[in-house]
C-alpha atoms as a PDB file:
ATOM      1  CA  MET A   1     117.939 105.284 149.972  1.00  0.00           C
ATOM      2  CA  SER A   2     120.604 105.619 152.652  1.00  0.00           C
ATOM      3  CA  ARG A   3     123.877 103.747 152.333  1.00  0.00           C
ATOM      4  CA  ILE A   4     123.049 101.511 155.315  1.00  0.00           C
ATOM      5  CA  THR A   5     119.611 100.661 153.920  1.00  0.00           C
ATOM      6  CA  LEU A   6     121.128  99.946 150.510  1.00  0.00           C
ATOM      7  CA  ALA A   7     123.810  97.695 151.991  1.00  0.00           C
ATOM      8  CA  SER A   8     121.262  95.683 153.949  1.00  0.00           C
ATOM      9  CA  LYS A   9     119.113  95.384 150.819  1.00  0.00           C
ATOM     10  CA  VAL A  10     122.134  94.078 148.828  1.00  0.00           C
ATOM     11  CA  TRP A  11     122.924  91.457 151.471  1.00  0.00           C
ATOM     12  CA  GLN A  12     119.279  90.366 151.852  1.00  0.00           C
ATOM     13  CA  ASP A  13     117.774  90.535 148.353  1.00  0.00           C
ATOM     14  CA  PRO A  14     119.261  88.071 145.815  1.00  0.00           C
ATOM     15  CA  LEU A  15     118.473  90.369 142.865  1.00  0.00           C
ATOM     16  CA  TYR A  16     120.318  93.285 144.482  1.00  0.00           C
ATOM     17  CA  PHE A  17     123.157  90.919 145.451  1.00  0.00           C
ATOM     18  CA  ILE A  18     123.636  89.924 141.822  1.00  0.00           C
ATOM     19  CA  ALA A  19     123.126  93.427 140.388  1.00  0.00           C
ATOM     20  CA  PHE A  20     125.664  94.793 142.872  1.00  0.00           C
ATOM     21  CA  GLY A  21     128.248  92.209 141.797  1.00  0.00           C
ATOM     22  CA  PHE A  22     128.046  90.102 144.982  1.00  0.00           C
ATOM     23  CA  GLY A  23     128.381  93.284 147.044  1.00  0.00           C
ATOM     24  CA  SER A  24     131.304  94.845 145.172  1.00  0.00           C
ATOM     25  CA  GLY A  25     129.064  97.647 143.887  1.00  0.00           C
ATOM     26  CA  LEU A  26     128.785  98.931 147.448  1.00  0.00           C
ATOM     27  CA  MET A  27     132.391 100.131 147.339  1.00  0.00           C
ATOM     28  CA  PRO A  28     132.309 103.934 147.672  1.00  0.00           C
ATOM     29  CA  ILE A  29     135.094 104.553 145.143  1.00  0.00           C
ATOM     30  CA  ALA A  30     135.189 103.062 141.631  1.00  0.00           C
ATOM     31  CA  PRO A  31     132.456 100.411 142.072  1.00  0.00           C
ATOM     32  CA  GLY A  32     132.726  99.470 138.373  1.00  0.00           C
ATOM     33  CA  THR A  33     136.381  98.638 138.827  1.00  0.00           C
ATOM     34  CA  TRP A  34     135.550  96.500 141.865  1.00  0.00           C
ATOM     35  CA  GLY A  35     132.810  94.767 139.885  1.00  0.00           C
ATOM     36  CA  THR A  36     135.310  93.970 137.162  1.00  0.00           C
ATOM     37  CA  LEU A  37     137.690  92.539 139.775  1.00  0.00           C
ATOM     38  CA  VAL A  38     134.890  90.236 140.961  1.00  0.00           C
ATOM     39  CA  ALA A  39     134.702  88.850 137.423  1.00  0.00           C
ATOM     40  CA  MET A  40     138.336  87.695 137.458  1.00  0.00           C
ATOM     41  CA  PRO A  41     137.874  84.598 139.669  1.00  0.00           C
ATOM     42  CA  ILE A  42     134.698  83.787 137.750  1.00  0.00           C
ATOM     43  CA  TYR A  43     136.758  83.893 134.557  1.00  0.00           C
ATOM     44  CA  LEU A  44     139.324  81.539 136.112  1.00  0.00           C
ATOM     45  CA  CYS A  45     136.569  79.073 137.022  1.00  0.00           C
ATOM     46  CA  LEU A  46     135.071  79.128 133.525  1.00  0.00           C
ATOM     47  CA  ALA A  47     138.155  79.438 131.318  1.00  0.00           C
ATOM     48  CA  HIS A  48     138.994  75.726 131.418  1.00  0.00           C
ATOM     49  CA  LEU A  49     135.502  74.534 130.482  1.00  0.00           C
ATOM     50  CA  GLY A  50     135.818  75.066 126.734  1.00  0.00           C
ATOM     51  CA  TRP A  51     134.741  78.027 124.677  1.00  0.00           C
ATOM     52  CA  MET A  52     131.158  76.832 124.064  1.00  0.00           C
ATOM     53  CA  VAL A  53     130.421  76.412 127.771  1.00  0.00           C
ATOM     54  CA  TYR A  54     132.271  79.652 128.554  1.00  0.00           C
ATOM     55  CA  LEU A  55     130.299  81.634 125.994  1.00  0.00           C
ATOM     56  CA  SER A  56     127.003  79.983 126.997  1.00  0.00           C
ATOM     57  CA  VAL A  57     127.513  80.907 130.651  1.00  0.00           C
ATOM     58  CA  SER A  58     128.523  84.453 129.652  1.00  0.00           C
ATOM     59  CA  LEU A  59     125.417  84.858 127.491  1.00  0.00           C
ATOM     60  CA  ALA A  60     123.224  83.443 130.271  1.00  0.00           C
ATOM     61  CA  ALA A  61     124.819  85.968 132.648  1.00  0.00           C
ATOM     62  CA  PHE A  62     123.942  88.703 130.141  1.00  0.00           C
ATOM     63  CA  VAL A  63     120.293  87.626 129.962  1.00  0.00           C
ATOM     64  CA  LEU A  64     120.145  87.369 133.755  1.00  0.00           C
ATOM     65  CA  GLY A  65     121.709  90.829 133.947  1.00  0.00           C
ATOM     66  CA  VAL A  66     119.085  92.421 131.701  1.00  0.00           C
ATOM     67  CA  PHE A  67     116.366  91.166 134.038  1.00  0.00           C
ATOM     68  CA  VAL A  68     118.159  91.807 137.340  1.00  0.00           C
ATOM     69  CA  CYS A  69     119.537  95.251 136.446  1.00  0.00           C
ATOM     70  CA  ASP A  70     116.160  96.347 135.111  1.00  0.00           C
ATOM     71  CA  HIS A  71     114.400  95.215 138.288  1.00  0.00           C
ATOM     72  CA  VAL A  72     116.919  96.824 140.658  1.00  0.00           C
ATOM     73  CA  SER A  73     117.198 100.109 138.760  1.00  0.00           C
ATOM     74  CA  ARG A  74     113.400 100.425 138.659  1.00  0.00           C
ATOM     75  CA  ASP A  75     113.138  99.570 142.334  1.00  0.00           C
ATOM     76  CA  MET A  76     115.776 102.209 143.155  1.00  0.00           C
ATOM     77  CA  GLY A  77     114.255 104.744 140.763  1.00  0.00           C
ATOM     78  CA  VAL A  78     117.682 105.388 139.219  1.00  0.00           C
ATOM     79  CA  HIS A  79     118.758 104.273 135.741  1.00  0.00           C
ATOM     80  CA  ASP A  80     122.208 102.651 135.810  1.00  0.00           C
ATOM     81  CA  TYR A  81     123.035 103.465 139.423  1.00  0.00           C
ATOM     82  CA  LYS A  82     126.827 103.381 139.835  1.00  0.00           C
ATOM     83  CA  GLY A  83     126.649 100.438 142.258  1.00  0.00           C
ATOM     84  CA  ILE A  84     124.929  98.212 139.706  1.00  0.00           C
ATOM     85  CA  VAL A  85     128.008  96.411 138.398  1.00  0.00           C
ATOM     86  CA  TRP A  86     126.749  93.102 137.014  1.00  0.00           C
ATOM     87  CA  ASP A  87     127.284  94.660 133.585  1.00  0.00           C
ATOM     88  CA  GLU A  88     131.004  94.972 134.383  1.00  0.00           C
ATOM     89  CA  VAL A  89     131.135  91.330 135.451  1.00  0.00           C
ATOM     90  CA  VAL A  90     129.608  90.211 132.156  1.00  0.00           C
ATOM     91  CA  GLY A  91     131.679  92.704 130.164  1.00  0.00           C
ATOM     92  CA  TYR A  92     134.923  91.328 131.569  1.00  0.00           C
ATOM     93  CA  LEU A  93     133.844  87.739 130.903  1.00  0.00           C
ATOM     94  CA  LEU A  94     133.094  88.613 127.269  1.00  0.00           C
ATOM     95  CA  THR A  95     136.395  90.473 126.941  1.00  0.00           C
ATOM     96  CA  MET A  96     138.248  87.345 128.043  1.00  0.00           C
ATOM     97  CA  CYS A  97     136.502  84.876 125.721  1.00  0.00           C
ATOM     98  CA  LEU A  98     139.089  82.792 123.811  1.00  0.00           C
ATOM     99  CA  VAL A  99     141.985  84.452 125.636  1.00  0.00           C
ATOM    100  CA  PRO A 100     144.762  82.268 127.084  1.00  0.00           C
ATOM    101  CA  VAL A 101     144.607  81.810 130.843  1.00  0.00           C
ATOM    102  CA  GLY A 102     147.330  83.749 132.610  1.00  0.00           C
ATOM    103  CA  TRP A 103     147.747  86.688 134.939  1.00  0.00           C
ATOM    104  CA  VAL A 104     149.257  88.962 132.283  1.00  0.00           C
ATOM    105  CA  TRP A 105     146.350  88.315 129.917  1.00  0.00           C
ATOM    106  CA  MET A 106     143.868  88.824 132.756  1.00  0.00           C
ATOM    107  CA  LEU A 107     145.439  92.164 133.660  1.00  0.00           C
ATOM    108  CA  VAL A 108     145.537  93.333 130.027  1.00  0.00           C
ATOM    109  CA  GLY A 109     141.888  92.345 129.585  1.00  0.00           C
ATOM    110  CA  PHE A 110     140.984  94.149 132.799  1.00  0.00           C
ATOM    111  CA  VAL A 111     142.689  97.364 131.683  1.00  0.00           C
ATOM    112  CA  LEU A 112     141.289  97.238 128.151  1.00  0.00           C
ATOM    113  CA  PHE A 113     137.738  96.613 129.312  1.00  0.00           C
ATOM    114  CA  ARG A 114     137.898  99.392 131.925  1.00  0.00           C
ATOM    115  CA  VAL A 115     139.342 101.836 129.353  1.00  0.00           C
ATOM    116  CA  PHE A 116     136.547 101.196 126.850  1.00  0.00           C
ATOM    117  CA  ASP A 117     133.891 101.134 129.580  1.00  0.00           C
ATOM    118  CA  ILE A 118     135.008 104.475 131.039  1.00  0.00           C
ATOM    119  CA  TRP A 119     135.946 106.195 127.752  1.00  0.00           C
ATOM    120  CA  LYS A 120     132.731 105.114 125.997  1.00  0.00           C
ATOM    121  CA  PRO A 121     133.628 105.803 122.359  1.00  0.00           C
ATOM    122  CA  GLN A 122     130.741 105.724 119.898  1.00  0.00           C
ATOM    123  CA  PRO A 123     128.495 103.753 119.649  1.00  0.00           C
ATOM    124  CA  ILE A 124     128.947 102.893 123.349  1.00  0.00           C
ATOM    125  CA  ARG A 125     128.104 106.446 124.458  1.00  0.00           C
ATOM    126  CA  LEU A 126     124.992 106.509 122.273  1.00  0.00           C
ATOM    127  CA  ILE A 127     123.787 103.169 123.672  1.00  0.00           C
ATOM    128  CA  ASP A 128     124.502 104.359 127.223  1.00  0.00           C
ATOM    129  CA  ARG A 129     122.336 107.452 126.691  1.00  0.00           C
ATOM    130  CA  ARG A 130     119.512 106.087 124.568  1.00  0.00           C
ATOM    131  CA  VAL A 131     118.787 102.457 125.418  1.00  0.00           C
ATOM    132  CA  PRO A 132     116.619 102.300 128.534  1.00  0.00           C
ATOM    133  CA  GLY A 133     116.219  99.725 131.279  1.00  0.00           C
ATOM    134  CA  GLY A 134     118.229  96.620 131.977  1.00  0.00           C
ATOM    135  CA  LEU A 135     119.072  96.153 128.308  1.00  0.00           C
ATOM    136  CA  GLY A 136     120.685  99.600 128.202  1.00  0.00           C
ATOM    137  CA  ILE A 137     122.600  98.975 131.422  1.00  0.00           C
ATOM    138  CA  MET A 138     124.000  95.724 130.037  1.00  0.00           C
ATOM    139  CA  LEU A 139     124.407  96.607 126.367  1.00  0.00           C
ATOM    140  CA  ASP A 140     126.863  99.496 126.643  1.00  0.00           C
ATOM    141  CA  ASP A 141     129.236  97.268 128.606  1.00  0.00           C
ATOM    142  CA  VAL A 142     128.803  94.431 126.117  1.00  0.00           C
ATOM    143  CA  VAL A 143     129.807  96.763 123.281  1.00  0.00           C
ATOM    144  CA  ALA A 144     132.772  98.000 125.359  1.00  0.00           C
ATOM    145  CA  ALA A 145     133.670  94.332 125.846  1.00  0.00           C
ATOM    146  CA  VAL A 146     133.495  93.702 122.090  1.00  0.00           C
ATOM    147  CA  PHE A 147     135.965  96.560 121.506  1.00  0.00           C
ATOM    148  CA  ALA A 148     138.259  95.252 124.261  1.00  0.00           C
ATOM    149  CA  TRP A 149     137.887  91.682 122.941  1.00  0.00           C
ATOM    150  CA  MET A 150     138.970  92.734 119.443  1.00  0.00           C
ATOM    151  CA  VAL A 151     142.120  94.366 120.822  1.00  0.00           C
ATOM    152  CA  MET A 152     142.735  91.305 123.009  1.00  0.00           C
ATOM    153  CA  GLN A 153     142.460  88.987 120.016  1.00  0.00           C
ATOM    154  CA  LEU A 154     145.016  91.091 118.121  1.00  0.00           C
ATOM    155  CA  LEU A 155     147.350  90.907 121.112  1.00  0.00           C
ATOM    156  CA  VAL A 156     146.854  87.159 121.476  1.00  0.00           C
ATOM    157  CA  TRP A 157     147.561  86.695 117.760  1.00  0.00           C
ATOM    158  CA  ALA A 158     150.712  88.839 118.013  1.00  0.00           C
ATOM    159  CA  PHE A 159     152.137  87.592 121.317  1.00  0.00           C
ATOM    160  CA  ALA A 160     150.694  84.216 122.308  1.00  0.00           C
END
C-alpha cells in the first residue's frame, strides 16, 4: 500500500484512524513516539475524573484496541505495522494511572514508557514475538506500561 493510499485510508476509515492514533502513526520517523505524544492530552482530560473512571476508560481503550488493531493489521497484511500506534496510546494511559497531574510527571512517564516499549525486556519481547493478532499488538505495550507504571509509582512514593 503506497503512503498516499495509506494516508487517505487513515483519514477516511474510522478503524484505521483509531489504530493510527488519530493520524499520528503516519509520521515517517518514530510513529510510536508520536502516538505516545497523542496520549498526553487524553491523559490530561481523564486524569481529573477519578481513578475508577480513568482505569475503566483505559481498559475500554485496550479492548477497542485489540479489535481495531487486529482488523487493521489483517487488512494491511502486516502484523504490528509500525504506524499502528493505538497500543502506545493505551500504554501511556496505563503508565500514568494514579500518577499526580503535572508536566514533570507526564514527561517522566513518557520517557519510561518509551524506554520499556523500545527496549522490550522479557517477557515483553516474548509477547511481542509470540502472541498474534490485535491481542499481541496491544499486550506487549500493556506489559511495557506495567513496568513503567511500577517505576512511576516508586518515583511518586519517593518524590510526591
